[in-house]
Amino acid sequence: MSGLEQSGIQEDDDLVFRRICTLLEPLNKSGVKLTRDTDLVAGLEVDSVAVLDLVMDVEDYYDISIPVSTISETKTIGQLVDAIHAIKGQQG
């Protein structure tokens, strides 16, 4: 069993997903298993300020800018991962 599986993170080959899970671990106080379907606010019980901090960390790490409209529409880890891929793809 890998370290990710032991820590409750769903094993996934997607490096973006794994990076997001790593960033979320300190916020995951209730030990929810992190999957693409995990709701960022309801599932992890984090407030909007924590979500914005996460988004800023992601933007810095990937050197991208996530539009506010995308942030407000993003509910799950999977949606955030997909948004990052889409933005990175647009930047070519």
Protein backbone atom coordinates (compact mmCIF):
# COMPACT_ATOMS: atom_id res chain seq x y z
CA MET A 1 0.00 0.00 0.00
CA SER A 2 1.44 3.37 -0.99
CA GLY A 3 1.76 6.35 1.31
CA LEU A 4 -1.11 8.05 -0.47
CA GLU A 5 -3.45 5.14 0.10
CA GLN A 6 -2.42 4.91 3.74
CA SER A 7 -3.22 8.58 4.25
CA GLY A 8 -6.72 8.10 2.81
CA ILE A 9 -6.05 9.67 -0.59
CA GLN A 10 -7.45 7.73 -3.52
CA GLU A 11 -4.59 6.46 -5.69
CA ASP A 12 -4.63 8.29 -8.99
CA ASP A 13 -2.11 8.67 -11.79
CA ASP A 14 -3.08 12.30 -12.33
CA LEU A 15 -0.31 14.45 -10.84
CA VAL A 16 -2.61 17.47 -10.61
CA PHE A 17 -5.11 15.46 -8.56
CA ARG A 18 -2.34 14.25 -6.30
CA ARG A 19 -1.00 17.79 -5.84
CA ILE A 20 -4.48 19.08 -4.92
CA CYS A 21 -4.89 16.26 -2.40
CA THR A 22 -1.52 17.15 -0.85
CA LEU A 23 -2.61 20.78 -0.52
CA LEU A 24 -5.93 19.70 0.99
CA GLU A 25 -4.51 17.32 3.60
CA PRO A 26 -4.01 20.02 6.28
CA LEU A 27 -7.64 21.10 5.78
CA ASN A 28 -8.98 17.55 6.00
CA LYS A 29 -9.46 17.53 9.76
CA SER A 30 -12.19 14.88 9.71
CA GLY A 31 -10.13 12.42 7.65
CA VAL A 32 -12.48 12.26 4.66
CA LYS A 33 -11.20 10.02 1.86
CA LEU A 34 -10.19 12.40 -0.92
CA THR A 35 -11.60 11.44 -4.30
CA ARG A 36 -12.51 13.37 -7.42
CA ASP A 37 -16.10 13.51 -6.10
CA THR A 38 -15.19 15.00 -2.72
CA ASP A 39 -17.01 18.30 -2.23
CA LEU A 40 -14.47 20.97 -1.33
CA VAL A 41 -16.73 22.85 1.08
CA ALA A 42 -19.36 20.39 2.33
CA GLY A 43 -17.20 17.26 2.24
CA LEU A 44 -14.14 18.78 3.87
CA GLU A 45 -16.06 21.28 6.00
CA VAL A 46 -13.77 24.15 5.00
CA ASP A 47 -14.83 27.76 4.64
CA SER A 48 -14.61 29.93 1.57
CA VAL A 49 -11.44 31.65 2.81
CA ALA A 50 -9.66 28.28 2.97
CA VAL A 51 -10.86 27.47 -0.55
CA LEU A 52 -9.49 30.80 -1.81
CA ASP A 53 -6.17 30.10 -0.09
CA LEU A 54 -6.09 26.72 -1.84
CA VAL A 55 -6.83 28.37 -5.19
CA MET A 56 -4.02 30.90 -4.66
CA ASP A 57 -1.61 28.05 -3.84
CA VAL A 58 -2.69 26.22 -6.99
CA GLU A 59 -2.32 29.36 -9.11
CA ASP A 60 1.17 29.97 -7.75
CA TYR A 61 2.26 26.35 -8.16
CA TYR A 62 1.03 26.03 -11.76
CA ASP A 63 1.63 29.68 -12.73
CA ILE A 64 -1.97 30.07 -13.91
CA SER A 65 -4.89 32.35 -13.14
CA ILE A 66 -8.21 30.70 -12.35
CA PRO A 67 -11.16 32.98 -13.24
CA VAL A 68 -13.49 33.91 -10.38
CA SER A 69 -16.41 32.43 -12.34
CA THR A 70 -14.60 29.09 -12.51
CA ILE A 71 -13.88 29.18 -8.77
CA SER A 72 -17.53 29.83 -7.94
CA GLU A 73 -18.67 26.97 -10.20
CA THR A 74 -16.13 24.48 -8.86
CA LYS A 75 -17.59 22.20 -6.19
CA THR A 76 -15.49 19.02 -6.23
CA ILE A 77 -11.82 18.12 -6.32
CA GLY A 78 -12.36 16.60 -9.78
CA GLN A 79 -13.88 19.83 -11.11
CA LEU A 80 -10.88 21.77 -9.80
CA VAL A 81 -8.47 19.32 -11.42
CA ASP A 82 -10.36 19.56 -14.73
CA ALA A 83 -10.31 23.37 -14.55
CA ILE A 84 -6.54 23.37 -13.99
CA HIS A 85 -6.03 21.06 -16.97
CA ALA A 86 -8.25 23.26 -19.16
CA ILE A 87 -6.44 26.47 -18.17
CA LYS A 88 -3.01 24.89 -18.64
CA GLY A 89 -4.14 23.60 -22.04
CA GLN A 90 -5.24 27.08 -23.11
CA GLN A 91 -1.86 28.48 -22.13
CA GLY A 92 -0.27 25.84 -24.32
